[in-house]
Amino acid sequence: MIDLSQIDELARRLSGLVPPALREGRDEMQDNFKAALQSGLARLDLVTREEFDVQRAVLVRTREQLENLRTLVEQLEARLAERDDTRDTAPPQA
């Protein structure tokens, strides 16, 4: 979730940039700035740092598991190849 206090602060800064002659509707303008900022950020489909870190940890674990499985498959293939080689070189049984 986006920190709303930062959005409030940015909206206050934007409304502070409005020329003095237009400051009559300053509160309304600040609310409009805030709504526009929230809307724009919502469309960006952002994630929090915590959500990002959780997904990163999941990805690291998944990569480790994939590497373990890859190693296991290579070992099994090597054993299977060895077994096939010994069958090919063994004399036929009667």
PDB file of N, CA and C in Angstrom:
ATOM      1  N   MET A   1       0.846  -1.184   0.000  1.00  0.00           N
ATOM      2  CA  MET A   1       0.000   0.000   0.000  1.00  0.00           C
ATOM      3  C   MET A   1       0.887   1.242   0.000  1.00  0.00           C
ATOM      4  N   ILE A   2       0.425   2.262  -0.658  1.00  0.00           N
ATOM      5  CA  ILE A   2       1.165   3.511  -0.752  1.00  0.00           C
ATOM      6  C   ILE A   2       0.998   4.290   0.549  1.00  0.00           C
ATOM      7  N   ASP A   3       2.076   4.919   1.010  1.00  0.00           N
ATOM      8  CA  ASP A   3       2.037   5.725   2.227  1.00  0.00           C
ATOM      9  C   ASP A   3       1.237   6.995   1.950  1.00  0.00           C
ATOM     10  N   LEU A   4       0.053   7.095   2.550  1.00  0.00           N
ATOM     11  CA  LEU A   4      -0.823   8.236   2.281  1.00  0.00           C
ATOM     12  C   LEU A   4      -0.268   9.537   2.843  1.00  0.00           C
ATOM     13  N   SER A   5       0.560   9.464   3.865  1.00  0.00           N
ATOM     14  CA  SER A   5       1.129  10.703   4.413  1.00  0.00           C
ATOM     15  C   SER A   5       2.045  11.368   3.386  1.00  0.00           C
ATOM     16  N   GLN A   6       2.739  10.565   2.588  1.00  0.00           N
ATOM     17  CA  GLN A   6       3.598  11.140   1.549  1.00  0.00           C
ATOM     18  C   GLN A   6       2.756  11.779   0.446  1.00  0.00           C
ATOM     19  N   ILE A   7       1.627  11.158   0.138  1.00  0.00           N
ATOM     20  CA  ILE A   7       0.731  11.739  -0.868  1.00  0.00           C
ATOM     21  C   ILE A   7       0.149  13.045  -0.341  1.00  0.00           C
ATOM     22  N   ASP A   8      -0.238  13.062   0.951  1.00  0.00           N
ATOM     23  CA  ASP A   8      -0.755  14.296   1.550  1.00  0.00           C
ATOM     24  C   ASP A   8       0.287  15.411   1.478  1.00  0.00           C
ATOM     25  N   GLU A   9       1.530  15.073   1.809  1.00  0.00           N
ATOM     26  CA  GLU A   9       2.604  16.070   1.789  1.00  0.00           C
ATOM     27  C   GLU A   9       2.823  16.600   0.375  1.00  0.00           C
ATOM     28  N   LEU A  10       2.820  15.712  -0.608  1.00  0.00           N
ATOM     29  CA  LEU A  10       3.001  16.142  -1.986  1.00  0.00           C
ATOM     30  C   LEU A  10       1.833  17.018  -2.442  1.00  0.00           C
ATOM     31  N   ALA A  11       0.618  16.663  -2.045  1.00  0.00           N
ATOM     32  CA  ALA A  11      -0.547  17.476  -2.399  1.00  0.00           C
ATOM     33  C   ALA A  11      -0.448  18.858  -1.751  1.00  0.00           C
ATOM     34  N   ARG A  12       0.024  18.919  -0.500  1.00  0.00           N
ATOM     35  CA  ARG A  12       0.213  20.222   0.165  1.00  0.00           C
ATOM     36  C   ARG A  12       1.254  21.059  -0.577  1.00  0.00           C
ATOM     37  N   ARG A  13       2.337  20.424  -1.001  1.00  0.00           N
ATOM     38  CA  ARG A  13       3.375  21.158  -1.730  1.00  0.00           C
ATOM     39  C   ARG A  13       2.843  21.695  -3.053  1.00  0.00           C
ATOM     40  N   LEU A  14       2.081  20.853  -3.748  1.00  0.00           N
ATOM     41  CA  LEU A  14       1.519  21.293  -5.031  1.00  0.00           C
ATOM     42  C   LEU A  14       0.561  22.457  -4.834  1.00  0.00           C
ATOM     43  N   SER A  15      -0.279  22.366  -3.803  1.00  0.00           N
ATOM     44  CA  SER A  15      -1.223  23.465  -3.577  1.00  0.00           C
ATOM     45  C   SER A  15      -0.479  24.720  -3.128  1.00  0.00           C
ATOM     46  N   GLY A  16       0.681  24.582  -2.506  1.00  0.00           N
ATOM     47  CA  GLY A  16       1.487  25.732  -2.107  1.00  0.00           C
ATOM     48  C   GLY A  16       2.103  26.453  -3.299  1.00  0.00           C
ATOM     49  N   LEU A  17       2.209  25.750  -4.418  1.00  0.00           N
ATOM     50  CA  LEU A  17       2.774  26.356  -5.629  1.00  0.00           C
ATOM     51  C   LEU A  17       1.757  27.193  -6.400  1.00  0.00           C
ATOM     52  N   VAL A  18       0.506  27.103  -5.989  1.00  0.00           N
ATOM     53  CA  VAL A  18      -0.555  27.844  -6.675  1.00  0.00           C
ATOM     54  C   VAL A  18      -0.395  29.332  -6.363  1.00  0.00           C
ATOM     55  N   PRO A  19      -0.542  30.189  -7.376  1.00  0.00           N
ATOM     56  CA  PRO A  19      -0.400  31.643  -7.158  1.00  0.00           C
ATOM     57  C   PRO A  19      -1.375  32.141  -6.086  1.00  0.00           C
ATOM     58  N   PRO A  20      -0.974  33.158  -5.329  1.00  0.00           N
ATOM     59  CA  PRO A  20      -1.811  33.673  -4.231  1.00  0.00           C
ATOM     60  C   PRO A  20      -3.221  34.057  -4.663  1.00  0.00           C
ATOM     61  N   ALA A  21      -3.386  34.549  -5.865  1.00  0.00           N
ATOM     62  CA  ALA A  21      -4.716  34.968  -6.326  1.00  0.00           C
ATOM     63  C   ALA A  21      -5.672  33.789  -6.423  1.00  0.00           C
ATOM     64  N   LEU A  22      -5.153  32.587  -6.600  1.00  0.00           N
ATOM     65  CA  LEU A  22      -6.000  31.408  -6.761  1.00  0.00           C
ATOM     66  C   LEU A  22      -6.108  30.570  -5.486  1.00  0.00           C
ATOM     67  N   ARG A  23      -5.554  31.051  -4.401  1.00  0.00           N
ATOM     68  CA  ARG A  23      -5.494  30.249  -3.181  1.00  0.00           C
ATOM     69  C   ARG A  23      -6.815  30.164  -2.429  1.00  0.00           C
ATOM     70  N   GLU A  24      -7.841  30.847  -2.919  1.00  0.00           N
ATOM     71  CA  GLU A  24      -9.145  30.791  -2.259  1.00  0.00           C
ATOM     72  C   GLU A  24      -9.629  29.352  -2.134  1.00  0.00           C
ATOM     73  N   GLY A  25      -9.499  28.603  -3.178  1.00  0.00           N
ATOM     74  CA  GLY A  25      -9.950  27.210  -3.184  1.00  0.00           C
ATOM     75  C   GLY A  25      -8.816  26.246  -2.881  1.00  0.00           C
ATOM     76  N   ARG A  26      -7.882  26.674  -2.048  1.00  0.00           N
ATOM     77  CA  ARG A  26      -6.682  25.899  -1.777  1.00  0.00           C
ATOM     78  C   ARG A  26      -6.997  24.510  -1.214  1.00  0.00           C
ATOM     79  N   ASP A  27      -7.888  24.419  -0.256  1.00  0.00           N
ATOM     80  CA  ASP A  27      -8.223  23.112   0.337  1.00  0.00           C
ATOM     81  C   ASP A  27      -8.833  22.179  -0.696  1.00  0.00           C
ATOM     82  N   GLU A  28      -9.726  22.748  -1.503  1.00  0.00           N
ATOM     83  CA  GLU A  28     -10.353  21.934  -2.551  1.00  0.00           C
ATOM     84  C   GLU A  28      -9.307  21.491  -3.575  1.00  0.00           C
ATOM     85  N   MET A  29      -8.418  22.415  -3.914  1.00  0.00           N
ATOM     86  CA  MET A  29      -7.366  22.096  -4.868  1.00  0.00           C
ATOM     87  C   MET A  29      -6.435  21.020  -4.293  1.00  0.00           C
ATOM     88  N   GLN A  30      -6.127  21.121  -3.013  1.00  0.00           N
ATOM     89  CA  GLN A  30      -5.269  20.128  -2.364  1.00  0.00           C
ATOM     90  C   GLN A  30      -5.942  18.757  -2.403  1.00  0.00           C
ATOM     91  N   ASP A  31      -7.246  18.721  -2.145  1.00  0.00           N
ATOM     92  CA  ASP A  31      -7.983  17.455  -2.220  1.00  0.00           C
ATOM     93  C   ASP A  31      -7.965  16.890  -3.637  1.00  0.00           C
ATOM     94  N   ASN A  32      -8.089  17.780  -4.626  1.00  0.00           N
ATOM     95  CA  ASN A  32      -8.049  17.333  -6.021  1.00  0.00           C
ATOM     96  C   ASN A  32      -6.663  16.792  -6.390  1.00  0.00           C
ATOM     97  N   PHE A  33      -5.611  17.492  -5.939  1.00  0.00           N
ATOM     98  CA  PHE A  33      -4.255  16.991  -6.168  1.00  0.00           C
ATOM     99  C   PHE A  33      -4.081  15.607  -5.550  1.00  0.00           C
ATOM    100  N   LYS A  34      -4.553  15.465  -4.323  1.00  0.00           N
ATOM    101  CA  LYS A  34      -4.419  14.195  -3.607  1.00  0.00           C
ATOM    102  C   LYS A  34      -5.156  13.079  -4.354  1.00  0.00           C
ATOM    103  N   ALA A  35      -6.375  13.356  -4.792  1.00  0.00           N
ATOM    104  CA  ALA A  35      -7.159  12.352  -5.520  1.00  0.00           C
ATOM    105  C   ALA A  35      -6.474  11.974  -6.837  1.00  0.00           C
ATOM    106  N   ALA A  36      -5.936  12.967  -7.528  1.00  0.00           N
ATOM    107  CA  ALA A  36      -5.259  12.692  -8.796  1.00  0.00           C
ATOM    108  C   ALA A  36      -4.000  11.859  -8.572  1.00  0.00           C
ATOM    109  N   LEU A  37      -3.254  12.169  -7.535  1.00  0.00           N
ATOM    110  CA  LEU A  37      -2.041  11.397  -7.226  1.00  0.00           C
ATOM    111  C   LEU A  37      -2.387   9.950  -6.866  1.00  0.00           C
ATOM    112  N   GLN A  38      -3.384   9.775  -6.021  1.00  0.00           N
ATOM    113  CA  GLN A  38      -3.791   8.423  -5.623  1.00  0.00           C
ATOM    114  C   GLN A  38      -4.265   7.625  -6.829  1.00  0.00           C
ATOM    115  N   SER A  39      -5.039   8.265  -7.675  1.00  0.00           N
ATOM    116  CA  SER A  39      -5.544   7.592  -8.870  1.00  0.00           C
ATOM    117  C   SER A  39      -4.403   7.186  -9.795  1.00  0.00           C
ATOM    118  N   GLY A  40      -3.476   8.098 -10.009  1.00  0.00           N
ATOM    119  CA  GLY A  40      -2.343   7.803 -10.877  1.00  0.00           C
ATOM    120  C   GLY A  40      -1.480   6.680 -10.333  1.00  0.00           C
ATOM    121  N   LEU A  41      -1.224   6.693  -9.040  1.00  0.00           N
ATOM    122  CA  LEU A  41      -0.410   5.644  -8.428  1.00  0.00           C
ATOM    123  C   LEU A  41      -1.137   4.301  -8.432  1.00  0.00           C
ATOM    124  N   ALA A  42      -2.448   4.330  -8.255  1.00  0.00           N
ATOM    125  CA  ALA A  42      -3.228   3.081  -8.254  1.00  0.00           C
ATOM    126  C   ALA A  42      -3.152   2.398  -9.618  1.00  0.00           C
ATOM    127  N   ARG A  43      -3.110   3.188 -10.682  1.00  0.00           N
ATOM    128  CA  ARG A  43      -3.031   2.620 -12.027  1.00  0.00           C
ATOM    129  C   ARG A  43      -1.668   2.005 -12.327  1.00  0.00           C
ATOM    130  N   LEU A  44      -0.656   2.358 -11.559  1.00  0.00           N
ATOM    131  CA  LEU A  44       0.679   1.824 -11.799  1.00  0.00           C
ATOM    132  C   LEU A  44       0.836   0.392 -11.322  1.00  0.00           C
ATOM    133  N   ASP A  45      -0.107  -0.103 -10.543  1.00  0.00           N
ATOM    134  CA  ASP A  45      -0.072  -1.475 -10.046  1.00  0.00           C
ATOM    135  C   ASP A  45       1.239  -1.752  -9.301  1.00  0.00           C
ATOM    136  N   LEU A  46       1.539  -0.897  -8.333  1.00  0.00           N
ATOM    137  CA  LEU A  46       2.770  -1.008  -7.554  1.00  0.00           C
ATOM    138  C   LEU A  46       2.587  -2.007  -6.417  1.00  0.00           C
ATOM    139  N   VAL A  47       3.693  -2.544  -5.940  1.00  0.00           N
ATOM    140  CA  VAL A  47       3.667  -3.419  -4.768  1.00  0.00           C
ATOM    141  C   VAL A  47       4.522  -2.784  -3.682  1.00  0.00           C
ATOM    142  N   THR A  48       4.251  -3.177  -2.453  1.00  0.00           N
ATOM    143  CA  THR A  48       5.048  -2.660  -1.349  1.00  0.00           C
ATOM    144  C   THR A  48       6.403  -3.352  -1.336  1.00  0.00           C
ATOM    145  N   ARG A  49       7.327  -2.778  -0.615  1.00  0.00           N
ATOM    146  CA  ARG A  49       8.657  -3.387  -0.485  1.00  0.00           C
ATOM    147  C   ARG A  49       8.540  -4.751   0.183  1.00  0.00           C
ATOM    148  N   GLU A  50       7.640  -4.846   1.169  1.00  0.00           N
ATOM    149  CA  GLU A  50       7.441  -6.121   1.872  1.00  0.00           C
ATOM    150  C   GLU A  50       6.945  -7.203   0.905  1.00  0.00           C
ATOM    151  N   GLU A  51       5.969  -6.859   0.059  1.00  0.00           N
ATOM    152  CA  GLU A  51       5.470  -7.828  -0.918  1.00  0.00           C
ATOM    153  C   GLU A  51       6.572  -8.224  -1.901  1.00  0.00           C
ATOM    154  N   PHE A  52       7.369  -7.254  -2.309  1.00  0.00           N
ATOM    155  CA  PHE A  52       8.479  -7.524  -3.223  1.00  0.00           C
ATOM    156  C   PHE A  52       9.484  -8.477  -2.579  1.00  0.00           C
ATOM    157  N   ASP A  53       9.841  -8.204  -1.326  1.00  0.00           N
ATOM    158  CA  ASP A  53      10.815  -9.046  -0.626  1.00  0.00           C
ATOM    159  C   ASP A  53      10.301 -10.466  -0.433  1.00  0.00           C
ATOM    160  N   VAL A  54       9.012 -10.618  -0.152  1.00  0.00           N
ATOM    161  CA  VAL A  54       8.420 -11.951  -0.003  1.00  0.00           C
ATOM    162  C   VAL A  54       8.509 -12.709  -1.322  1.00  0.00           C
ATOM    163  N   GLN A  55       8.153 -12.068  -2.418  1.00  0.00           N
ATOM    164  CA  GLN A  55       8.202 -12.729  -3.722  1.00  0.00           C
ATOM    165  C   GLN A  55       9.640 -13.047  -4.128  1.00  0.00           C
ATOM    166  N   ARG A  56      10.562 -12.182  -3.754  1.00  0.00           N
ATOM    167  CA  ARG A  56      11.978 -12.436  -4.048  1.00  0.00           C
ATOM    168  C   ARG A  56      12.453 -13.680  -3.307  1.00  0.00           C
ATOM    169  N   ALA A  57      12.061 -13.809  -2.033  1.00  0.00           N
ATOM    170  CA  ALA A  57      12.441 -14.989  -1.247  1.00  0.00           C
ATOM    171  C   ALA A  57      11.849 -16.259  -1.845  1.00  0.00           C
ATOM    172  N   VAL A  58      10.607 -16.172  -2.303  1.00  0.00           N
ATOM    173  CA  VAL A  58       9.966 -17.329  -2.945  1.00  0.00           C
ATOM    174  C   VAL A  58      10.735 -17.704  -4.208  1.00  0.00           C
ATOM    175  N   LEU A  59      11.124 -16.719  -4.987  1.00  0.00           N
ATOM    176  CA  LEU A  59      11.875 -16.977  -6.217  1.00  0.00           C
ATOM    177  C   LEU A  59      13.233 -17.607  -5.913  1.00  0.00           C
ATOM    178  N   VAL A  60      13.906 -17.146  -4.878  1.00  0.00           N
ATOM    179  CA  VAL A  60      15.214 -17.715  -4.509  1.00  0.00           C
ATOM    180  C   VAL A  60      15.040 -19.184  -4.123  1.00  0.00           C
ATOM    181  N   ARG A  61      14.028 -19.489  -3.306  1.00  0.00           N
ATOM    182  CA  ARG A  61      13.767 -20.884  -2.916  1.00  0.00           C
ATOM    183  C   ARG A  61      13.422 -21.739  -4.125  1.00  0.00           C
ATOM    184  N   THR A  62      12.635 -21.192  -5.028  1.00  0.00           N
ATOM    185  CA  THR A  62      12.250 -21.933  -6.229  1.00  0.00           C
ATOM    186  C   THR A  62      13.464 -22.229  -7.096  1.00  0.00           C
ATOM    187  N   ARG A  63      14.338 -21.265  -7.238  1.00  0.00           N
ATOM    188  CA  ARG A  63      15.565 -21.478  -8.028  1.00  0.00           C
ATOM    189  C   ARG A  63      16.441 -22.554  -7.385  1.00  0.00           C
ATOM    190  N   GLU A  64      16.537 -22.536  -6.055  1.00  0.00           N
ATOM    191  CA  GLU A  64      17.327 -23.554  -5.360  1.00  0.00           C
ATOM    192  C   GLU A  64      16.728 -24.946  -5.596  1.00  0.00           C
ATOM    193  N   GLN A  65      15.415 -25.042  -5.495  1.00  0.00           N
ATOM    194  CA  GLN A  65      14.757 -26.325  -5.725  1.00  0.00           C
ATOM    195  C   GLN A  65      14.956 -26.786  -7.162  1.00  0.00           C
ATOM    196  N   LEU A  66      14.861 -25.864  -8.101  1.00  0.00           N
ATOM    197  CA  LEU A  66      15.067 -26.203  -9.510  1.00  0.00           C
ATOM    198  C   LEU A  66      16.479 -26.714  -9.738  1.00  0.00           C
ATOM    199  N   GLU A  67      17.461 -26.061  -9.138  1.00  0.00           N
ATOM    200  CA  GLU A  67      18.848 -26.501  -9.293  1.00  0.00           C
ATOM    201  C   GLU A  67      19.042 -27.886  -8.674  1.00  0.00           C
ATOM    202  N   ASN A  68      18.434 -28.126  -7.515  1.00  0.00           N
ATOM    203  CA  ASN A  68      18.515 -29.452  -6.887  1.00  0.00           C
ATOM    204  C   ASN A  68      17.888 -30.521  -7.780  1.00  0.00           C
ATOM    205  N   LEU A  69      16.747 -30.206  -8.362  1.00  0.00           N
ATOM    206  CA  LEU A  69      16.085 -31.161  -9.259  1.00  0.00           C
ATOM    207  C   LEU A  69      16.917 -31.394 -10.515  1.00  0.00           C
ATOM    208  N   ARG A  70      17.512 -30.337 -11.040  1.00  0.00           N
ATOM    209  CA  ARG A  70      18.361 -30.461 -12.227  1.00  0.00           C
ATOM    210  C   ARG A  70      19.549 -31.391 -11.924  1.00  0.00           C
ATOM    211  N   THR A  71      20.161 -31.207 -10.774  1.00  0.00           N
ATOM    212  CA  THR A  71      21.288 -32.058 -10.369  1.00  0.00           C
ATOM    213  C   THR A  71      20.840 -33.502 -10.211  1.00  0.00           C
ATOM    214  N   LEU A  72      19.691 -33.700  -9.586  1.00  0.00           N
ATOM    215  CA  LEU A  72      19.165 -35.053  -9.394  1.00  0.00           C
ATOM    216  C   LEU A  72      18.884 -35.736 -10.727  1.00  0.00           C
ATOM    217  N   VAL A  73      18.291 -35.020 -11.663  1.00  0.00           N
ATOM    218  CA  VAL A  73      18.006 -35.589 -12.984  1.00  0.00           C
ATOM    219  C   VAL A  73      19.314 -35.955 -13.683  1.00  0.00           C
ATOM    220  N   GLU A  74      20.307 -35.100 -13.600  1.00  0.00           N
ATOM    221  CA  GLU A  74      21.602 -35.411 -14.219  1.00  0.00           C
ATOM    222  C   GLU A  74      22.216 -36.668 -13.604  1.00  0.00           C
ATOM    223  N   GLN A  75      22.128 -36.806 -12.292  1.00  0.00           N
ATOM    224  CA  GLN A  75      22.658 -37.996 -11.622  1.00  0.00           C
ATOM    225  C   GLN A  75      21.909 -39.257 -12.060  1.00  0.00           C
ATOM    226  N   LEU A  76      20.581 -39.148 -12.115  1.00  0.00           N
ATOM    227  CA  LEU A  76      19.780 -40.304 -12.529  1.00  0.00           C
ATOM    228  C   LEU A  76      20.062 -40.680 -13.981  1.00  0.00           C
ATOM    229  N   GLU A  77      20.215 -39.679 -14.843  1.00  0.00           N
ATOM    230  CA  GLU A  77      20.535 -39.958 -16.242  1.00  0.00           C
ATOM    231  C   GLU A  77      21.902 -40.624 -16.364  1.00  0.00           C
ATOM    232  N   ALA A  78      22.859 -40.175 -15.557  1.00  0.00           N
ATOM    233  CA  ALA A  78      24.200 -40.773 -15.598  1.00  0.00           C
ATOM    234  C   ALA A  78      24.142 -42.231 -15.127  1.00  0.00           C
ATOM    235  N   ARG A  79      23.396 -42.485 -14.063  1.00  0.00           N
ATOM    236  CA  ARG A  79      23.265 -43.867 -13.582  1.00  0.00           C
ATOM    237  C   ARG A  79      22.573 -44.741 -14.611  1.00  0.00           C
ATOM    238  N   LEU A  80      21.569 -44.217 -15.258  1.00  0.00           N
ATOM    239  CA  LEU A  80      20.857 -44.969 -16.283  1.00  0.00           C
ATOM    240  C   LEU A  80      21.782 -45.260 -17.466  1.00  0.00           C
ATOM    241  N   ALA A  81      22.585 -44.287 -17.849  1.00  0.00           N
ATOM    242  CA  ALA A  81      23.531 -44.475 -18.950  1.00  0.00           C
ATOM    243  C   ALA A  81      24.573 -45.525 -18.583  1.00  0.00           C
ATOM    244  N   GLU A  82      25.055 -45.501 -17.351  1.00  0.00           N
ATOM    245  CA  GLU A  82      26.014 -46.514 -16.893  1.00  0.00           C
ATOM    246  C   GLU A  82      25.394 -47.905 -16.954  1.00  0.00           C
ATOM    247  N   ARG A  83      24.170 -48.018 -16.509  1.00  0.00           N
ATOM    248  CA  ARG A  83      23.483 -49.312 -16.512  1.00  0.00           C
ATOM    249  C   ARG A  83      23.297 -49.814 -17.939  1.00  0.00           C
ATOM    250  N   ASP A  84      22.941 -48.904 -18.838  1.00  0.00           N
ATOM    251  CA  ASP A  84      22.782 -49.291 -20.243  1.00  0.00           C
ATOM    252  C   ASP A  84      24.118 -49.720 -20.850  1.00  0.00           C
ATOM    253  N   ASP A  85      25.195 -49.021 -20.468  1.00  0.00           N
ATOM    254  CA  ASP A  85      26.525 -49.363 -20.977  1.00  0.00           C
ATOM    255  C   ASP A  85      26.955 -50.748 -20.504  1.00  0.00           C
ATOM    256  N   THR A  86      26.690 -51.080 -19.258  1.00  0.00           N
ATOM    257  CA  THR A  86      27.094 -52.398 -18.739  1.00  0.00           C
ATOM    258  C   THR A  86      26.265 -53.501 -19.392  1.00  0.00           C
ATOM    259  N   ARG A  87      25.045 -53.229 -19.733  1.00  0.00           N
ATOM    260  CA  ARG A  87      24.220 -54.231 -20.422  1.00  0.00           C
ATOM    261  C   ARG A  87      24.732 -54.468 -21.838  1.00  0.00           C
ATOM    262  N   ASP A  88      25.172 -53.384 -22.482  1.00  0.00           N
ATOM    263  CA  ASP A  88      25.670 -53.510 -23.866  1.00  0.00           C
ATOM    264  C   ASP A  88      26.990 -54.264 -23.922  1.00  0.00           C
ATOM    265  N   THR A  89      27.828 -54.133 -22.920  1.00  0.00           N
ATOM    266  CA  THR A  89      29.158 -54.772 -22.931  1.00  0.00           C
ATOM    267  C   THR A  89      29.153 -56.145 -22.263  1.00  0.00           C
ATOM    268  N   ALA A  90      28.112 -56.486 -21.573  1.00  0.00           N
ATOM    269  CA  ALA A  90      28.071 -57.808 -20.884  1.00  0.00           C
ATOM    270  C   ALA A  90      27.816 -58.901 -21.926  1.00  0.00           C
ATOM    271  N   PRO A  91      28.466 -60.069 -21.707  1.00  0.00           N
ATOM    272  CA  PRO A  91      28.231 -61.169 -22.650  1.00  0.00           C
ATOM    273  C   PRO A  91      26.795 -61.681 -22.505  1.00  0.00           C
ATOM    274  N   PRO A  92      26.211 -62.157 -23.586  1.00  0.00           N
ATOM    275  CA  PRO A  92      24.832 -62.651 -23.516  1.00  0.00           C
ATOM    276  C   PRO A  92      24.745 -63.846 -22.577  1.00  0.00           C
ATOM    277  N   GLN A  93      23.666 -63.860 -21.831  1.00  0.00           N
ATOM    278  CA  GLN A  93      23.459 -64.959 -20.886  1.00  0.00           C
ATOM    279  C   GLN A  93      22.650 -66.060 -21.559  1.00  0.00           C
ATOM    280  N   ALA A  94      23.017 -67.307 -21.242  1.00  0.00           N
ATOM    281  CA  ALA A  94      22.331 -68.436 -21.851  1.00  0.00           C
ATOM    282  C   ALA A  94      21.323 -69.044 -20.940  1.00  0.00           C
TER     283      ALA A  94
END
